[in-house]
Structure formats: C-alpha cells, structure tokens
Amino acid sequence: MTEPVAACAAEIVSLHRVFERVLGVPGEDGSARFEAAFAPGFAMVMPNGRRLDRAEVLAFLHGARGTRGPGFRIAIEDVALLHVAPPLLLMHYVERQWLDGGVETARRAAALFRMEPAGPRWLFVQETWVSPPPA
C-alpha cells in the first residue's frame, strides 16, 4: 500500500473508532476530532439517500452522543483504493455496526479524501445499505 493510501485507510478506521466511542458512551465528545477530520465543504449522502452538509453532520453527531448504547460496535472491512488523482484519493470500505441488543447493519461507503500536510481530510462520503436495520 502506498503511503497516502495507507494514511487514508488508517484515518477511516481511526475516525470510526471515535464514532463508536461517541455514539456508544454517554458523555463522550468527539467534536474537535470531527471538526478536524471533515474539510470545509464536506458533505455526505446517508444510506437512505439523505444528503447532509458539514454542519448537519456535526450537529447529528453532537445530538447522537451516547444514543447507541454501551454495546454499540463498528467494524471496518474491505478497505480499498478506487482512484487516485493527487492530492485526491477515492476510497471504498464496508462499515458494519452492531447496535445494543445485537442488531447488525452494514453499509458500503465511498469516501473522497484530500491529502494535506497534517494527513487526509474527508471531503465527501456516499453510503449505501448492504444490510439495513429492521423496519
């Protein structure tokens, strides 16, 4: 793996560890980490098709702190490079979540990163359900 690809792969795993803590444990605050990770202009498309801008994503994460319960877990699988056009890298991964109570979901994500001196910054994420939550 090239250095920028490895850095993006590590960032995907690292940020999802923060999501796991912040969403699973009441009182955890990842605001500074999220603000540093998401570049100005960041946007994402949720697996249900809803588009969120950076401010909406940050507000969602702030409001969701501790809501998933202490059994909440995230696993990142199948991380791969889809395309590189320096300083941009398009990465792919599968995110599995286990909610408190054992419900498992999975989503496929494509994430666009810009390499910066401090490391990769998230520009855009598109998620698609592989295994949605029960209705």
N, C-alpha and C. Protein backbone atom coordinates (compact mmCIF):
# COMPACT_ATOMS: atom_id res chain seq x y z
N MET A 1 0.84 -1.17 0.00
CA MET A 1 0.00 0.00 0.00
C MET A 1 0.89 1.24 0.00
N THR A 2 0.55 2.20 -0.84
CA THR A 2 1.34 3.43 -0.85
C THR A 2 1.04 4.24 0.41
N GLU A 3 1.93 5.15 0.72
CA GLU A 3 1.78 5.94 1.95
C GLU A 3 0.45 6.71 2.02
N PRO A 4 0.02 7.45 0.98
CA PRO A 4 -1.29 8.14 1.07
C PRO A 4 -2.46 7.17 1.21
N VAL A 5 -2.40 6.03 0.53
CA VAL A 5 -3.48 5.05 0.64
C VAL A 5 -3.52 4.49 2.07
N ALA A 6 -2.36 4.15 2.61
CA ALA A 6 -2.29 3.65 3.98
C ALA A 6 -2.78 4.70 4.98
N ALA A 7 -2.46 5.96 4.74
CA ALA A 7 -2.91 7.03 5.63
C ALA A 7 -4.43 7.17 5.59
N CYS A 8 -5.02 7.07 4.41
CA CYS A 8 -6.48 7.14 4.30
C CYS A 8 -7.14 5.94 4.96
N ALA A 9 -6.58 4.75 4.75
CA ALA A 9 -7.12 3.55 5.37
C ALA A 9 -7.07 3.67 6.90
N ALA A 10 -5.96 4.16 7.42
CA ALA A 10 -5.82 4.34 8.87
C ALA A 10 -6.81 5.39 9.38
N GLU A 11 -7.03 6.45 8.61
CA GLU A 11 -7.97 7.50 9.01
C GLU A 11 -9.40 6.95 9.05
N ILE A 12 -9.77 6.12 8.09
CA ILE A 12 -11.11 5.52 8.09
C ILE A 12 -11.33 4.74 9.39
N VAL A 13 -10.38 3.88 9.73
CA VAL A 13 -10.50 3.07 10.94
C VAL A 13 -10.49 3.96 12.18
N SER A 14 -9.56 4.90 12.24
CA SER A 14 -9.42 5.77 13.40
C SER A 14 -10.69 6.59 13.66
N LEU A 15 -11.24 7.21 12.63
CA LEU A 15 -12.43 8.04 12.84
C LEU A 15 -13.62 7.18 13.26
N HIS A 16 -13.72 5.98 12.72
CA HIS A 16 -14.83 5.11 13.12
C HIS A 16 -14.69 4.62 14.56
N ARG A 17 -13.48 4.54 15.08
CA ARG A 17 -13.28 4.22 16.50
C ARG A 17 -13.84 5.36 17.35
N VAL A 18 -13.65 6.60 16.89
CA VAL A 18 -14.20 7.75 17.61
C VAL A 18 -15.73 7.72 17.52
N PHE A 19 -16.28 7.43 16.33
CA PHE A 19 -17.74 7.29 16.21
C PHE A 19 -18.26 6.27 17.21
N GLU A 20 -17.59 5.14 17.30
CA GLU A 20 -18.01 4.06 18.19
C GLU A 20 -18.07 4.54 19.64
N ARG A 21 -17.03 5.23 20.09
CA ARG A 21 -17.00 5.75 21.46
C ARG A 21 -18.06 6.81 21.69
N VAL A 22 -18.11 7.80 20.79
CA VAL A 22 -19.01 8.94 20.98
C VAL A 22 -20.48 8.50 20.91
N LEU A 23 -20.82 7.64 19.98
CA LEU A 23 -22.21 7.21 19.84
C LEU A 23 -22.60 6.18 20.90
N GLY A 24 -21.64 5.44 21.41
CA GLY A 24 -21.95 4.38 22.36
C GLY A 24 -21.88 4.77 23.83
N VAL A 25 -21.08 5.76 24.17
CA VAL A 25 -20.83 6.08 25.58
C VAL A 25 -21.34 7.48 25.91
N PRO A 26 -22.32 7.57 26.80
CA PRO A 26 -22.79 8.91 27.20
C PRO A 26 -21.64 9.75 27.75
N GLY A 27 -21.63 11.01 27.38
CA GLY A 27 -20.61 11.93 27.89
C GLY A 27 -19.37 12.04 27.03
N GLU A 28 -19.16 11.11 26.09
CA GLU A 28 -18.00 11.20 25.19
C GLU A 28 -18.22 12.34 24.20
N ASP A 29 -17.19 13.09 23.92
CA ASP A 29 -17.31 14.21 22.99
C ASP A 29 -16.18 14.14 21.97
N GLY A 30 -16.52 13.94 20.72
CA GLY A 30 -15.53 13.89 19.65
C GLY A 30 -15.57 15.11 18.77
N SER A 31 -16.18 16.19 19.25
CA SER A 31 -16.39 17.38 18.40
C SER A 31 -15.11 17.89 17.76
N ALA A 32 -14.05 18.03 18.53
CA ALA A 32 -12.79 18.55 17.97
C ALA A 32 -12.24 17.61 16.91
N ARG A 33 -12.32 16.32 17.15
CA ARG A 33 -11.82 15.34 16.18
C ARG A 33 -12.64 15.38 14.90
N PHE A 34 -13.97 15.47 15.03
CA PHE A 34 -14.83 15.51 13.85
C PHE A 34 -14.59 16.79 13.04
N GLU A 35 -14.47 17.91 13.73
CA GLU A 35 -14.24 19.18 13.04
C GLU A 35 -12.91 19.18 12.31
N ALA A 36 -11.90 18.55 12.89
CA ALA A 36 -10.59 18.47 12.23
C ALA A 36 -10.63 17.52 11.04
N ALA A 37 -11.42 16.46 11.13
CA ALA A 37 -11.46 15.45 10.06
C ALA A 37 -12.21 15.92 8.83
N PHE A 38 -13.33 16.61 9.03
CA PHE A 38 -14.20 16.99 7.92
C PHE A 38 -13.79 18.36 7.37
N ALA A 39 -13.33 18.38 6.14
CA ALA A 39 -12.88 19.62 5.50
C ALA A 39 -14.06 20.57 5.31
N PRO A 40 -13.78 21.88 5.23
CA PRO A 40 -14.85 22.81 4.86
C PRO A 40 -15.45 22.34 3.53
N GLY A 41 -16.76 22.39 3.44
CA GLY A 41 -17.44 21.92 2.24
C GLY A 41 -17.76 20.43 2.27
N PHE A 42 -17.35 19.72 3.34
CA PHE A 42 -17.65 18.30 3.46
C PHE A 42 -19.15 18.07 3.34
N ALA A 43 -19.51 16.97 2.70
CA ALA A 43 -20.91 16.54 2.61
C ALA A 43 -20.95 15.03 2.57
N MET A 44 -22.10 14.48 2.93
CA MET A 44 -22.27 13.04 2.82
C MET A 44 -23.69 12.72 2.41
N VAL A 45 -23.83 11.55 1.80
CA VAL A 45 -25.14 11.02 1.48
C VAL A 45 -25.33 9.79 2.35
N MET A 46 -26.35 9.84 3.19
CA MET A 46 -26.65 8.75 4.10
C MET A 46 -27.17 7.55 3.30
N PRO A 47 -27.20 6.36 3.90
CA PRO A 47 -27.67 5.18 3.16
C PRO A 47 -29.13 5.28 2.72
N ASN A 48 -29.91 6.15 3.38
CA ASN A 48 -31.31 6.34 2.98
C ASN A 48 -31.47 7.37 1.87
N GLY A 49 -30.34 7.93 1.40
CA GLY A 49 -30.38 8.90 0.31
C GLY A 49 -30.38 10.35 0.75
N ARG A 50 -30.48 10.61 2.03
CA ARG A 50 -30.49 11.99 2.53
C ARG A 50 -29.09 12.60 2.46
N ARG A 51 -29.00 13.80 1.89
CA ARG A 51 -27.71 14.50 1.79
C ARG A 51 -27.58 15.45 2.97
N LEU A 52 -26.40 15.41 3.61
CA LEU A 52 -26.11 16.29 4.74
C LEU A 52 -24.86 17.10 4.44
N ASP A 53 -24.89 18.39 4.79
CA ASP A 53 -23.67 19.17 4.66
C ASP A 53 -22.86 19.03 5.95
N ARG A 54 -21.71 19.66 5.99
CA ARG A 54 -20.80 19.51 7.13
C ARG A 54 -21.48 19.89 8.45
N ALA A 55 -22.16 21.02 8.46
CA ALA A 55 -22.82 21.49 9.69
C ALA A 55 -23.88 20.49 10.15
N GLU A 56 -24.62 19.92 9.22
CA GLU A 56 -25.66 18.94 9.57
C GLU A 56 -25.04 17.66 10.12
N VAL A 57 -23.93 17.22 9.54
CA VAL A 57 -23.25 16.02 10.04
C VAL A 57 -22.73 16.27 11.45
N LEU A 58 -22.09 17.42 11.67
CA LEU A 58 -21.58 17.74 13.00
C LEU A 58 -22.71 17.83 14.02
N ALA A 59 -23.83 18.44 13.64
CA ALA A 59 -24.98 18.55 14.54
C ALA A 59 -25.56 17.17 14.84
N PHE A 60 -25.66 16.32 13.82
CA PHE A 60 -26.15 14.95 14.02
C PHE A 60 -25.27 14.21 15.02
N LEU A 61 -23.95 14.27 14.81
CA LEU A 61 -23.03 13.56 15.70
C LEU A 61 -23.11 14.10 17.13
N HIS A 62 -23.23 15.42 17.27
CA HIS A 62 -23.35 16.02 18.60
C HIS A 62 -24.64 15.53 19.28
N GLY A 63 -25.74 15.52 18.56
CA GLY A 63 -27.01 15.11 19.13
C GLY A 63 -27.13 13.62 19.39
N ALA A 64 -26.31 12.82 18.70
CA ALA A 64 -26.40 11.36 18.83
C ALA A 64 -25.45 10.80 19.89
N ARG A 65 -24.72 11.67 20.59
CA ARG A 65 -23.76 11.18 21.60
C ARG A 65 -24.44 10.25 22.60
N GLY A 66 -23.88 9.05 22.75
CA GLY A 66 -24.35 8.10 23.73
C GLY A 66 -25.66 7.40 23.39
N THR A 67 -26.26 7.68 22.24
CA THR A 67 -27.59 7.15 21.94
C THR A 67 -27.60 5.69 21.48
N ARG A 68 -26.46 5.15 21.08
CA ARG A 68 -26.44 3.77 20.57
C ARG A 68 -26.26 2.72 21.66
N GLY A 69 -25.88 3.15 22.85
CA GLY A 69 -25.74 2.23 23.97
C GLY A 69 -24.35 1.64 24.08
N PRO A 70 -24.02 1.10 25.26
CA PRO A 70 -22.67 0.61 25.51
C PRO A 70 -22.28 -0.61 24.68
N GLY A 71 -23.24 -1.31 24.11
CA GLY A 71 -22.92 -2.47 23.26
C GLY A 71 -22.66 -2.12 21.82
N PHE A 72 -22.69 -0.83 21.48
CA PHE A 72 -22.51 -0.39 20.10
C PHE A 72 -21.08 -0.66 19.63
N ARG A 73 -20.96 -1.29 18.48
CA ARG A 73 -19.65 -1.60 17.89
C ARG A 73 -19.66 -1.30 16.41
N ILE A 74 -18.49 -0.96 15.89
CA ILE A 74 -18.29 -0.72 14.46
C ILE A 74 -17.07 -1.51 14.01
N ALA A 75 -17.19 -2.17 12.87
CA ALA A 75 -16.05 -2.83 12.22
C ALA A 75 -15.93 -2.28 10.81
N ILE A 76 -14.71 -2.05 10.40
CA ILE A 76 -14.42 -1.58 9.04
C ILE A 76 -13.77 -2.74 8.29
N GLU A 77 -14.30 -3.03 7.10
CA GLU A 77 -13.83 -4.15 6.29
C GLU A 77 -13.60 -3.71 4.85
N ASP A 78 -12.82 -4.50 4.14
CA ASP A 78 -12.65 -4.34 2.68
C ASP A 78 -12.24 -2.94 2.26
N VAL A 79 -11.31 -2.34 2.99
CA VAL A 79 -10.82 -1.01 2.63
C VAL A 79 -9.98 -1.14 1.36
N ALA A 80 -10.28 -0.30 0.38
CA ALA A 80 -9.56 -0.37 -0.90
C ALA A 80 -9.52 1.00 -1.55
N LEU A 81 -8.52 1.20 -2.36
CA LEU A 81 -8.40 2.40 -3.18
C LEU A 81 -9.23 2.21 -4.44
N LEU A 82 -10.07 3.18 -4.76
CA LEU A 82 -10.83 3.16 -6.01
C LEU A 82 -10.16 4.00 -7.09
N HIS A 83 -9.61 5.15 -6.68
CA HIS A 83 -9.00 6.05 -7.66
C HIS A 83 -8.07 7.02 -6.93
N VAL A 84 -7.02 7.41 -7.62
CA VAL A 84 -6.13 8.43 -7.07
C VAL A 84 -5.83 9.46 -8.15
N ALA A 85 -5.94 10.72 -7.77
CA ALA A 85 -5.58 11.86 -8.61
C ALA A 85 -5.03 12.91 -7.64
N PRO A 86 -3.72 12.80 -7.32
CA PRO A 86 -3.14 13.63 -6.26
C PRO A 86 -3.59 15.09 -6.35
N PRO A 87 -3.98 15.67 -5.23
CA PRO A 87 -3.92 15.18 -3.85
C PRO A 87 -5.19 14.44 -3.40
N LEU A 88 -6.04 14.01 -4.35
CA LEU A 88 -7.30 13.37 -4.00
C LEU A 88 -7.20 11.84 -4.09
N LEU A 89 -7.85 11.17 -3.14
CA LEU A 89 -7.96 9.71 -3.16
C LEU A 89 -9.40 9.34 -2.90
N LEU A 90 -9.91 8.42 -3.70
CA LEU A 90 -11.25 7.89 -3.51
C LEU A 90 -11.11 6.49 -2.95
N MET A 91 -11.63 6.29 -1.75
CA MET A 91 -11.50 5.03 -1.04
C MET A 91 -12.86 4.35 -0.92
N HIS A 92 -12.83 3.05 -0.69
CA HIS A 92 -14.03 2.25 -0.51
C HIS A 92 -13.87 1.43 0.75
N TYR A 93 -14.97 1.20 1.47
CA TYR A 93 -14.94 0.32 2.64
C TYR A 93 -16.35 -0.13 2.97
N VAL A 94 -16.43 -1.19 3.76
CA VAL A 94 -17.71 -1.64 4.31
C VAL A 94 -17.67 -1.36 5.80
N GLU A 95 -18.75 -0.76 6.29
CA GLU A 95 -18.89 -0.45 7.71
C GLU A 95 -20.00 -1.32 8.29
N ARG A 96 -19.64 -2.15 9.26
CA ARG A 96 -20.64 -2.97 9.98
C ARG A 96 -20.85 -2.35 11.35
N GLN A 97 -22.11 -2.29 11.75
CA GLN A 97 -22.45 -1.78 13.07
C GLN A 97 -23.27 -2.83 13.81
N TRP A 98 -22.98 -2.97 15.10
CA TRP A 98 -23.78 -3.80 15.99
C TRP A 98 -24.36 -2.89 17.04
N LEU A 99 -25.67 -2.78 17.03
CA LEU A 99 -26.37 -1.94 18.00
C LEU A 99 -26.56 -2.71 19.30
N ASP A 100 -26.73 -1.97 20.38
CA ASP A 100 -27.02 -2.60 21.66
C ASP A 100 -28.23 -3.50 21.46
N GLY A 101 -28.14 -4.75 21.84
CA GLY A 101 -29.23 -5.69 21.62
C GLY A 101 -28.94 -6.64 20.47
N GLY A 102 -27.80 -6.47 19.79
CA GLY A 102 -27.37 -7.43 18.79
C GLY A 102 -27.80 -7.18 17.36
N VAL A 103 -28.54 -6.11 17.08
CA VAL A 103 -28.94 -5.81 15.70
C VAL A 103 -27.70 -5.43 14.90
N GLU A 104 -27.50 -6.08 13.75
CA GLU A 104 -26.35 -5.78 12.89
C GLU A 104 -26.82 -5.11 11.61
N THR A 105 -26.09 -4.07 11.22
CA THR A 105 -26.32 -3.41 9.93
C THR A 105 -24.99 -3.35 9.19
N ALA A 106 -25.08 -3.15 7.88
CA ALA A 106 -23.86 -2.97 7.09
C ALA A 106 -24.15 -1.98 5.98
N ARG A 107 -23.15 -1.18 5.68
CA ARG A 107 -23.26 -0.21 4.59
C ARG A 107 -21.93 -0.18 3.85
N ARG A 108 -22.01 0.04 2.56
CA ARG A 108 -20.85 0.21 1.71
C ARG A 108 -20.64 1.71 1.56
N ALA A 109 -19.41 2.15 1.65
CA ALA A 109 -19.14 3.59 1.57
C ALA A 109 -18.02 3.88 0.59
N ALA A 110 -18.17 4.98 -0.11
CA ALA A 110 -17.09 5.55 -0.91
C ALA A 110 -16.77 6.90 -0.27
N ALA A 111 -15.49 7.14 0.00
CA ALA A 111 -15.08 8.36 0.68
C ALA A 111 -13.98 9.04 -0.13
N LEU A 112 -14.16 10.34 -0.34
CA LEU A 112 -13.18 11.15 -1.06
C LEU A 112 -12.35 11.91 -0.03
N PHE A 113 -11.02 11.76 -0.15
CA PHE A 113 -10.08 12.43 0.74
C PHE A 113 -9.17 13.37 -0.04
N ARG A 114 -8.73 14.43 0.64
CA ARG A 114 -7.67 15.29 0.11
C ARG A 114 -6.49 15.15 1.05
N MET A 115 -5.34 14.82 0.50
CA MET A 115 -4.13 14.72 1.31
C MET A 115 -3.64 16.13 1.64
N GLU A 116 -3.39 16.35 2.92
CA GLU A 116 -2.88 17.62 3.40
C GLU A 116 -1.65 17.33 4.24
N PRO A 117 -0.84 18.33 4.56
CA PRO A 117 0.37 18.07 5.36
C PRO A 117 0.07 17.35 6.68
N ALA A 118 -1.07 17.65 7.30
CA ALA A 118 -1.42 17.01 8.57
C ALA A 118 -2.04 15.63 8.37
N GLY A 119 -2.31 15.25 7.12
CA GLY A 119 -2.93 13.94 6.85
C GLY A 119 -4.18 14.10 6.01
N PRO A 120 -4.89 12.99 5.79
CA PRO A 120 -6.08 13.05 4.94
C PRO A 120 -7.23 13.79 5.59
N ARG A 121 -7.95 14.58 4.79
CA ARG A 121 -9.18 15.26 5.23
C ARG A 121 -10.33 14.70 4.42
N TRP A 122 -11.44 14.44 5.08
CA TRP A 122 -12.64 13.92 4.45
C TRP A 122 -13.32 15.05 3.67
N LEU A 123 -13.61 14.79 2.38
CA LEU A 123 -14.33 15.76 1.54
C LEU A 123 -15.77 15.34 1.29
N PHE A 124 -15.99 14.02 1.12
CA PHE A 124 -17.31 13.53 0.77
C PHE A 124 -17.42 12.05 1.10
N VAL A 125 -18.62 11.62 1.52
CA VAL A 125 -18.91 10.20 1.76
C VAL A 125 -20.26 9.88 1.15
N GLN A 126 -20.35 8.76 0.47
CA GLN A 126 -21.62 8.22 -0.06
C GLN A 126 -21.79 6.83 0.54
N GLU A 127 -22.89 6.62 1.26
CA GLU A 127 -23.15 5.32 1.87
C GLU A 127 -24.35 4.66 1.21
N THR A 128 -24.29 3.34 1.10
CA THR A 128 -25.37 2.54 0.53
C THR A 128 -25.61 1.34 1.43
N TRP A 129 -26.87 1.06 1.74
CA TRP A 129 -27.18 -0.09 2.58
C TRP A 129 -26.77 -1.39 1.90
N VAL A 130 -26.12 -2.25 2.66
CA VAL A 130 -25.89 -3.64 2.30
C VAL A 130 -26.88 -4.47 3.10
N SER A 131 -27.00 -4.13 4.38
CA SER A 131 -27.90 -4.81 5.30
C SER A 131 -28.51 -3.74 6.20
N PRO A 132 -29.70 -3.23 5.84
CA PRO A 132 -30.30 -2.14 6.63
C PRO A 132 -30.87 -2.64 7.96
N PRO A 133 -31.16 -1.70 8.85
CA PRO A 133 -31.78 -2.10 10.13
C PRO A 133 -33.19 -2.63 9.86
N PRO A 134 -33.68 -3.46 10.76
CA PRO A 134 -35.06 -3.95 10.60
C PRO A 134 -36.05 -2.79 10.62
N ALA A 135 -37.10 -2.93 9.86
CA ALA A 135 -38.11 -1.86 9.76
C ALA A 135 -38.92 -1.74 11.03
